[in-house]
Amino acid sequence: MFLFAVTLVVISGINVFLLQRLAEMAKLSPSLLDNKFFASEISVALYLLPAIFAGIGVNIMPHILMSHLVEAEKRFDCEHR
């Protein structure tokens, strides 16, 4: 599960990098349609998906770590009674 959370964060980082690269390439192209596409609210929507993936991944990581720590604490308490 931790690997899944890390994968979500990595995918979101790659996605943001690719979106920025695509926006740069769109500025250099002679077409005006892609410039309007990346200058409009649609580009905000494109960045929301990686933000959601990163948010989910970042929330899963501490949940897994806390669950592991609680289990380790219970094991420690049982062994040292």
PDB file of N, CA and C in Angstrom:
ATOM      1  N   MET A   1       0.824  -1.187   0.000  1.00  0.00           N
ATOM      2  CA  MET A   1       0.000   0.000   0.000  1.00  0.00           C
ATOM      3  C   MET A   1       0.873   1.258   0.000  1.00  0.00           C
ATOM      4  N   PHE A   2       1.986   1.184   0.739  1.00  0.00           N
ATOM      5  CA  PHE A   2       2.889   2.328   0.770  1.00  0.00           C
ATOM      6  C   PHE A   2       3.474   2.589  -0.617  1.00  0.00           C
ATOM      7  N   LEU A   3       3.784   1.527  -1.324  1.00  0.00           N
ATOM      8  CA  LEU A   3       4.308   1.663  -2.684  1.00  0.00           C
ATOM      9  C   LEU A   3       3.264   2.317  -3.597  1.00  0.00           C
ATOM     10  N   PHE A   4       2.000   1.996  -3.396  1.00  0.00           N
ATOM     11  CA  PHE A   4       0.913   2.615  -4.155  1.00  0.00           C
ATOM     12  C   PHE A   4       0.862   4.118  -3.884  1.00  0.00           C
ATOM     13  N   ALA A   5       1.005   4.501  -2.618  1.00  0.00           N
ATOM     14  CA  ALA A   5       0.979   5.923  -2.259  1.00  0.00           C
ATOM     15  C   ALA A   5       2.154   6.661  -2.886  1.00  0.00           C
ATOM     16  N   VAL A   6       3.335   6.054  -2.821  1.00  0.00           N
ATOM     17  CA  VAL A   6       4.512   6.680  -3.432  1.00  0.00           C
ATOM     18  C   VAL A   6       4.335   6.777  -4.945  1.00  0.00           C
ATOM     19  N   THR A   7       3.750   5.748  -5.534  1.00  0.00           N
ATOM     20  CA  THR A   7       3.506   5.754  -6.978  1.00  0.00           C
ATOM     21  C   THR A   7       2.557   6.882  -7.370  1.00  0.00           C
ATOM     22  N   LEU A   8       1.527   7.113  -6.574  1.00  0.00           N
ATOM     23  CA  LEU A   8       0.606   8.217  -6.863  1.00  0.00           C
ATOM     24  C   LEU A   8       1.324   9.559  -6.838  1.00  0.00           C
ATOM     25  N   VAL A   9       2.185   9.755  -5.864  1.00  0.00           N
ATOM     26  CA  VAL A   9       2.912  11.020  -5.764  1.00  0.00           C
ATOM     27  C   VAL A   9       3.880  11.176  -6.941  1.00  0.00           C
ATOM     28  N   VAL A  10       4.562  10.106  -7.301  1.00  0.00           N
ATOM     29  CA  VAL A  10       5.501  10.160  -8.420  1.00  0.00           C
ATOM     30  C   VAL A  10       4.762  10.419  -9.729  1.00  0.00           C
ATOM     31  N   ILE A  11       3.656   9.741  -9.932  1.00  0.00           N
ATOM     32  CA  ILE A  11       2.867   9.951 -11.155  1.00  0.00           C
ATOM     33  C   ILE A  11       2.380  11.390 -11.240  1.00  0.00           C
ATOM     34  N   SER A  12       1.956  11.950 -10.123  1.00  0.00           N
ATOM     35  CA  SER A  12       1.486  13.336 -10.157  1.00  0.00           C
ATOM     36  C   SER A  12       2.627  14.295 -10.476  1.00  0.00           C
ATOM     37  N   GLY A  13       3.814  14.033  -9.944  1.00  0.00           N
ATOM     38  CA  GLY A  13       4.959  14.878 -10.276  1.00  0.00           C
ATOM     39  C   GLY A  13       5.317  14.808 -11.745  1.00  0.00           C
ATOM     40  N   ILE A  14       5.318  13.607 -12.287  1.00  0.00           N
ATOM     41  CA  ILE A  14       5.603  13.427 -13.716  1.00  0.00           C
ATOM     42  C   ILE A  14       4.533  14.109 -14.560  1.00  0.00           C
ATOM     43  N   ASN A  15       3.288  13.982 -14.127  1.00  0.00           N
ATOM     44  CA  ASN A  15       2.180  14.585 -14.856  1.00  0.00           C
ATOM     45  C   ASN A  15       2.308  16.107 -14.896  1.00  0.00           C
ATOM     46  N   VAL A  16       2.653  16.715 -13.779  1.00  0.00           N
ATOM     47  CA  VAL A  16       2.827  18.174 -13.749  1.00  0.00           C
ATOM     48  C   VAL A  16       3.984  18.590 -14.647  1.00  0.00           C
ATOM     49  N   PHE A  17       5.087  17.849 -14.589  1.00  0.00           N
ATOM     50  CA  PHE A  17       6.230  18.151 -15.457  1.00  0.00           C
ATOM     51  C   PHE A  17       5.826  18.077 -16.931  1.00  0.00           C
ATOM     52  N   LEU A  18       5.106  17.022 -17.302  1.00  0.00           N
ATOM     53  CA  LEU A  18       4.688  16.873 -18.692  1.00  0.00           C
ATOM     54  C   LEU A  18       3.706  17.955 -19.117  1.00  0.00           C
ATOM     55  N   LEU A  19       2.810  18.355 -18.215  1.00  0.00           N
ATOM     56  CA  LEU A  19       1.879  19.435 -18.541  1.00  0.00           C
ATOM     57  C   LEU A  19       2.623  20.749 -18.761  1.00  0.00           C
ATOM     58  N   GLN A  20       3.622  21.027 -17.940  1.00  0.00           N
ATOM     59  CA  GLN A  20       4.400  22.248 -18.129  1.00  0.00           C
ATOM     60  C   GLN A  20       5.176  22.203 -19.435  1.00  0.00           C
ATOM     61  N   ARG A  21       5.736  21.061 -19.739  1.00  0.00           N
ATOM     62  CA  ARG A  21       6.485  20.898 -20.996  1.00  0.00           C
ATOM     63  C   ARG A  21       5.546  21.062 -22.199  1.00  0.00           C
ATOM     64  N   LEU A  22       4.358  20.497 -22.095  1.00  0.00           N
ATOM     65  CA  LEU A  22       3.375  20.612 -23.167  1.00  0.00           C
ATOM     66  C   LEU A  22       2.932  22.063 -23.346  1.00  0.00           C
ATOM     67  N   ALA A  23       2.786  22.786 -22.250  1.00  0.00           N
ATOM     68  CA  ALA A  23       2.410  24.200 -22.342  1.00  0.00           C
ATOM     69  C   ALA A  23       3.509  25.011 -23.018  1.00  0.00           C
ATOM     70  N   GLU A  24       4.772  24.691 -22.713  1.00  0.00           N
ATOM     71  CA  GLU A  24       5.887  25.374 -23.385  1.00  0.00           C
ATOM     72  C   GLU A  24       5.890  25.081 -24.876  1.00  0.00           C
ATOM     73  N   MET A  25       5.658  23.835 -25.232  1.00  0.00           N
ATOM     74  CA  MET A  25       5.624  23.459 -26.642  1.00  0.00           C
ATOM     75  C   MET A  25       4.452  24.122 -27.356  1.00  0.00           C
ATOM     76  N   ALA A  26       3.335  24.291 -26.650  1.00  0.00           N
ATOM     77  CA  ALA A  26       2.167  24.930 -27.255  1.00  0.00           C
ATOM     78  C   ALA A  26       2.435  26.407 -27.543  1.00  0.00           C
ATOM     79  N   LYS A  27       3.217  27.055 -26.668  1.00  0.00           N
ATOM     80  CA  LYS A  27       3.548  28.466 -26.905  1.00  0.00           C
ATOM     81  C   LYS A  27       4.416  28.640 -28.142  1.00  0.00           C
ATOM     82  N   LEU A  28       5.238  27.660 -28.427  1.00  0.00           N
ATOM     83  CA  LEU A  28       6.140  27.748 -29.577  1.00  0.00           C
ATOM     84  C   LEU A  28       5.481  27.360 -30.893  1.00  0.00           C
ATOM     85  N   SER A  29       4.336  26.712 -30.831  1.00  0.00           N
ATOM     86  CA  SER A  29       3.683  26.271 -32.063  1.00  0.00           C
ATOM     87  C   SER A  29       2.933  27.438 -32.710  1.00  0.00           C
ATOM     88  N   PRO A  30       2.764  27.394 -34.011  1.00  0.00           N
ATOM     89  CA  PRO A  30       2.067  28.489 -34.693  1.00  0.00           C
ATOM     90  C   PRO A  30       0.545  28.464 -34.482  1.00  0.00           C
ATOM     91  N   SER A  31       0.019  27.379 -34.005  1.00  0.00           N
ATOM     92  CA  SER A  31      -1.425  27.259 -33.813  1.00  0.00           C
ATOM     93  C   SER A  31      -1.880  28.094 -32.618  1.00  0.00           C
ATOM     94  N   LEU A  32      -2.996  28.772 -32.774  1.00  0.00           N
ATOM     95  CA  LEU A  32      -3.543  29.568 -31.683  1.00  0.00           C
ATOM     96  C   LEU A  32      -4.487  28.766 -30.797  1.00  0.00           C
ATOM     97  N   LEU A  33      -4.989  27.664 -31.328  1.00  0.00           N
ATOM     98  CA  LEU A  33      -5.947  26.869 -30.567  1.00  0.00           C
ATOM     99  C   LEU A  33      -5.313  26.292 -29.308  1.00  0.00           C
ATOM    100  N   ASP A  34      -4.109  25.745 -29.425  1.00  0.00           N
ATOM    101  CA  ASP A  34      -3.477  25.163 -28.242  1.00  0.00           C
ATOM    102  C   ASP A  34      -3.039  26.238 -27.248  1.00  0.00           C
ATOM    103  N   ASN A  35      -2.718  27.425 -27.723  1.00  0.00           N
ATOM    104  CA  ASN A  35      -2.390  28.524 -26.799  1.00  0.00           C
ATOM    105  C   ASN A  35      -3.611  28.903 -25.967  1.00  0.00           C
ATOM    106  N   LYS A  36      -4.779  28.965 -26.600  1.00  0.00           N
ATOM    107  CA  LYS A  36      -6.004  29.256 -25.859  1.00  0.00           C
ATOM    108  C   LYS A  36      -6.336  28.142 -24.880  1.00  0.00           C
ATOM    109  N   PHE A  37      -6.038  26.930 -25.270  1.00  0.00           N
ATOM    110  CA  PHE A  37      -6.318  25.771 -24.426  1.00  0.00           C
ATOM    111  C   PHE A  37      -5.518  25.840 -23.126  1.00  0.00           C
ATOM    112  N   PHE A  38      -4.238  26.173 -23.217  1.00  0.00           N
ATOM    113  CA  PHE A  38      -3.398  26.218 -22.026  1.00  0.00           C
ATOM    114  C   PHE A  38      -3.489  27.544 -21.282  1.00  0.00           C
ATOM    115  N   ALA A  39      -4.082  28.552 -21.879  1.00  0.00           N
ATOM    116  CA  ALA A  39      -4.262  29.832 -21.203  1.00  0.00           C
ATOM    117  C   ALA A  39      -5.650  29.949 -20.577  1.00  0.00           C
ATOM    118  N   SER A  40      -6.477  28.953 -20.749  1.00  0.00           N
ATOM    119  CA  SER A  40      -7.842  29.035 -20.243  1.00  0.00           C
ATOM    120  C   SER A  40      -7.995  28.253 -18.936  1.00  0.00           C
ATOM    121  N   GLU A  41      -9.232  28.143 -18.480  1.00  0.00           N
ATOM    122  CA  GLU A  41      -9.531  27.419 -17.253  1.00  0.00           C
ATOM    123  C   GLU A  41      -9.330  25.913 -17.415  1.00  0.00           C
ATOM    124  N   ILE A  42      -9.263  25.456 -18.638  1.00  0.00           N
ATOM    125  CA  ILE A  42      -9.067  24.022 -18.871  1.00  0.00           C
ATOM    126  C   ILE A  42      -7.709  23.591 -18.329  1.00  0.00           C
ATOM    127  N   SER A  43      -6.717  24.466 -18.421  1.00  0.00           N
ATOM    128  CA  SER A  43      -5.397  24.107 -17.898  1.00  0.00           C
ATOM    129  C   SER A  43      -5.445  23.925 -16.386  1.00  0.00           C
ATOM    130  N   VAL A  44      -6.285  24.691 -15.706  1.00  0.00           N
ATOM    131  CA  VAL A  44      -6.450  24.513 -14.256  1.00  0.00           C
ATOM    132  C   VAL A  44      -7.032  23.130 -13.975  1.00  0.00           C
ATOM    133  N   ALA A  45      -7.984  22.729 -14.777  1.00  0.00           N
ATOM    134  CA  ALA A  45      -8.574  21.402 -14.605  1.00  0.00           C
ATOM    135  C   ALA A  45      -7.547  20.299 -14.854  1.00  0.00           C
ATOM    136  N   LEU A  46      -6.635  20.528 -15.792  1.00  0.00           N
ATOM    137  CA  LEU A  46      -5.597  19.540 -16.065  1.00  0.00           C
ATOM    138  C   LEU A  46      -4.652  19.385 -14.875  1.00  0.00           C
ATOM    139  N   TYR A  47      -4.420  20.454 -14.132  1.00  0.00           N
ATOM    140  CA  TYR A  47      -3.536  20.390 -12.966  1.00  0.00           C
ATOM    141  C   TYR A  47      -4.245  19.857 -11.724  1.00  0.00           C
ATOM    142  N   LEU A  48      -5.562  19.817 -11.745  1.00  0.00           N
ATOM    143  CA  LEU A  48      -6.291  19.307 -10.580  1.00  0.00           C
ATOM    144  C   LEU A  48      -6.107  17.802 -10.407  1.00  0.00           C
ATOM    145  N   LEU A  49      -6.062  17.067 -11.487  1.00  0.00           N
ATOM    146  CA  LEU A  49      -5.911  15.621 -11.391  1.00  0.00           C
ATOM    147  C   LEU A  49      -4.604  15.219 -10.718  1.00  0.00           C
ATOM    148  N   PRO A  50      -3.451  15.770 -11.114  1.00  0.00           N
ATOM    149  CA  PRO A  50      -2.234  15.419 -10.378  1.00  0.00           C
ATOM    150  C   PRO A  50      -2.255  15.900  -8.929  1.00  0.00           C
ATOM    151  N   ALA A  51      -2.908  17.026  -8.683  1.00  0.00           N
ATOM    152  CA  ALA A  51      -2.995  17.508  -7.300  1.00  0.00           C
ATOM    153  C   ALA A  51      -3.820  16.545  -6.445  1.00  0.00           C
ATOM    154  N   ILE A  52      -4.870  16.003  -7.025  1.00  0.00           N
ATOM    155  CA  ILE A  52      -5.689  15.031  -6.296  1.00  0.00           C
ATOM    156  C   ILE A  52      -4.896  13.752  -6.048  1.00  0.00           C
ATOM    157  N   PHE A  53      -4.189  13.271  -7.079  1.00  0.00           N
ATOM    158  CA  PHE A  53      -3.357  12.068  -6.907  1.00  0.00           C
ATOM    159  C   PHE A  53      -2.318  12.281  -5.813  1.00  0.00           C
ATOM    160  N   ALA A  54      -1.646  13.427  -5.839  1.00  0.00           N
ATOM    161  CA  ALA A  54      -0.622  13.705  -4.836  1.00  0.00           C
ATOM    162  C   ALA A  54      -1.245  13.814  -3.446  1.00  0.00           C
ATOM    163  N   GLY A  55      -2.402  14.439  -3.365  1.00  0.00           N
ATOM    164  CA  GLY A  55      -3.078  14.565  -2.070  1.00  0.00           C
ATOM    165  C   GLY A  55      -3.467  13.223  -1.494  1.00  0.00           C
ATOM    166  N   ILE A  56      -3.991  12.355  -2.329  1.00  0.00           N
ATOM    167  CA  ILE A  56      -4.356  11.017  -1.865  1.00  0.00           C
ATOM    168  C   ILE A  56      -3.112  10.247  -1.429  1.00  0.00           C
ATOM    169  N   GLY A  57      -2.068  10.315  -2.237  1.00  0.00           N
ATOM    170  CA  GLY A  57      -0.829   9.613  -1.900  1.00  0.00           C
ATOM    171  C   GLY A  57      -0.212  10.114  -0.611  1.00  0.00           C
ATOM    172  N   VAL A  58      -0.203  11.420  -0.442  1.00  0.00           N
ATOM    173  CA  VAL A  58       0.382  12.004   0.757  1.00  0.00           C
ATOM    174  C   VAL A  58      -0.463  11.671   1.985  1.00  0.00           C
ATOM    175  N   ASN A  59      -1.758  11.523   1.839  1.00  0.00           N
ATOM    176  CA  ASN A  59      -2.599  11.148   2.972  1.00  0.00           C
ATOM    177  C   ASN A  59      -2.500   9.663   3.303  1.00  0.00           C
ATOM    178  N   ILE A  60      -2.252   8.833   2.316  1.00  0.00           N
ATOM    179  CA  ILE A  60      -2.128   7.394   2.565  1.00  0.00           C
ATOM    180  C   ILE A  60      -0.833   7.087   3.318  1.00  0.00           C
ATOM    181  N   MET A  61       0.246   7.782   2.972  1.00  0.00           N
ATOM    182  CA  MET A  61       1.550   7.492   3.586  1.00  0.00           C
ATOM    183  C   MET A  61       1.539   7.608   5.111  1.00  0.00           C
ATOM    184  N   PRO A  62       1.104   8.723   5.689  1.00  0.00           N
ATOM    185  CA  PRO A  62       1.123   8.783   7.162  1.00  0.00           C
ATOM    186  C   PRO A  62       0.133   7.817   7.798  1.00  0.00           C
ATOM    187  N   HIS A  63      -0.970   7.531   7.111  1.00  0.00           N
ATOM    188  CA  HIS A  63      -1.923   6.558   7.650  1.00  0.00           C
ATOM    189  C   HIS A  63      -1.260   5.189   7.777  1.00  0.00           C
ATOM    190  N   ILE A  64      -0.523   4.785   6.761  1.00  0.00           N
ATOM    191  CA  ILE A  64       0.169   3.495   6.798  1.00  0.00           C
ATOM    192  C   ILE A  64       1.248   3.501   7.873  1.00  0.00           C
ATOM    193  N   LEU A  65       2.006   4.584   7.946  1.00  0.00           N
ATOM    194  CA  LEU A  65       3.065   4.674   8.951  1.00  0.00           C
ATOM    195  C   LEU A  65       2.498   4.654  10.368  1.00  0.00           C
ATOM    196  N   MET A  66       1.418   5.363  10.593  1.00  0.00           N
ATOM    197  CA  MET A  66       0.804   5.370  11.926  1.00  0.00           C
ATOM    198  C   MET A  66       0.238   4.003  12.282  1.00  0.00           C
ATOM    199  N   SER A  67      -0.366   3.325  11.325  1.00  0.00           N
ATOM    200  CA  SER A  67      -0.881   1.974  11.578  1.00  0.00           C
ATOM    201  C   SER A  67       0.261   1.030  11.936  1.00  0.00           C
ATOM    202  N   HIS A  68       1.368   1.151  11.243  1.00  0.00           N
ATOM    203  CA  HIS A  68       2.525   0.308  11.533  1.00  0.00           C
ATOM    204  C   HIS A  68       3.071   0.604  12.935  1.00  0.00           C
ATOM    205  N   LEU A  69       3.139   1.875  13.296  1.00  0.00           N
ATOM    206  CA  LEU A  69       3.639   2.235  14.617  1.00  0.00           C
ATOM    207  C   LEU A  69       2.717   1.752  15.732  1.00  0.00           C
ATOM    208  N   VAL A  70       1.421   1.825  15.527  1.00  0.00           N
ATOM    209  CA  VAL A  70       0.469   1.339  16.529  1.00  0.00           C
ATOM    210  C   VAL A  70       0.616  -0.170  16.718  1.00  0.00           C
ATOM    211  N   GLU A  71       0.750  -0.902  15.614  1.00  0.00           N
ATOM    212  CA  GLU A  71       0.938  -2.352  15.705  1.00  0.00           C
ATOM    213  C   GLU A  71       2.256  -2.692  16.387  1.00  0.00           C
ATOM    214  N   ALA A  72       3.313  -1.964  16.075  1.00  0.00           N
ATOM    215  CA  ALA A  72       4.609  -2.211  16.702  1.00  0.00           C
ATOM    216  C   ALA A  72       4.553  -1.903  18.195  1.00  0.00           C
ATOM    217  N   GLU A  73       3.837  -0.865  18.577  1.00  0.00           N
ATOM    218  CA  GLU A  73       3.696  -0.523  19.993  1.00  0.00           C
ATOM    219  C   GLU A  73       2.917  -1.601  20.736  1.00  0.00           C
ATOM    220  N   LYS A  74       1.870  -2.131  20.112  1.00  0.00           N
ATOM    221  CA  LYS A  74       1.102  -3.217  20.740  1.00  0.00           C
ATOM    222  C   LYS A  74       1.965  -4.455  20.915  1.00  0.00           C
ATOM    223  N   ARG A  75       2.760  -4.793  19.894  1.00  0.00           N
ATOM    224  CA  ARG A  75       3.668  -5.945  20.000  1.00  0.00           C
ATOM    225  C   ARG A  75       4.691  -5.740  21.108  1.00  0.00           C
ATOM    226  N   PHE A  76       5.219  -4.537  21.199  1.00  0.00           N
ATOM    227  CA  PHE A  76       6.208  -4.231  22.231  1.00  0.00           C
ATOM    228  C   PHE A  76       5.580  -4.374  23.615  1.00  0.00           C
ATOM    229  N   ASP A  77       4.365  -3.840  23.784  1.00  0.00           N
ATOM    230  CA  ASP A  77       3.688  -3.939  25.079  1.00  0.00           C
ATOM    231  C   ASP A  77       3.423  -5.378  25.466  1.00  0.00           C
ATOM    232  N   CYS A  78       3.009  -6.206  24.496  1.00  0.00           N
ATOM    233  CA  CYS A  78       2.732  -7.622  24.780  1.00  0.00           C
ATOM    234  C   CYS A  78       4.005  -8.380  25.135  1.00  0.00           C
ATOM    235  N   GLU A  79       5.109  -8.068  24.498  1.00  0.00           N
ATOM    236  CA  GLU A  79       6.364  -8.764  24.762  1.00  0.00           C
ATOM    237  C   GLU A  79       7.006  -8.355  26.078  1.00  0.00           C
ATOM    238  N   HIS A  80       6.730  -7.155  26.560  1.00  0.00           N
ATOM    239  CA  HIS A  80       7.399  -6.649  27.758  1.00  0.00           C
ATOM    240  C   HIS A  80       6.470  -6.540  28.969  1.00  0.00           C
ATOM    241  N   ARG A  81       5.529  -7.438  29.049  1.00  0.00           N
ATOM    242  CA  ARG A  81       4.645  -7.457  30.224  1.00  0.00           C
ATOM    243  C   ARG A  81       5.221  -8.295  31.304  1.00  0.00           C
TER     244      ARG A  81
END
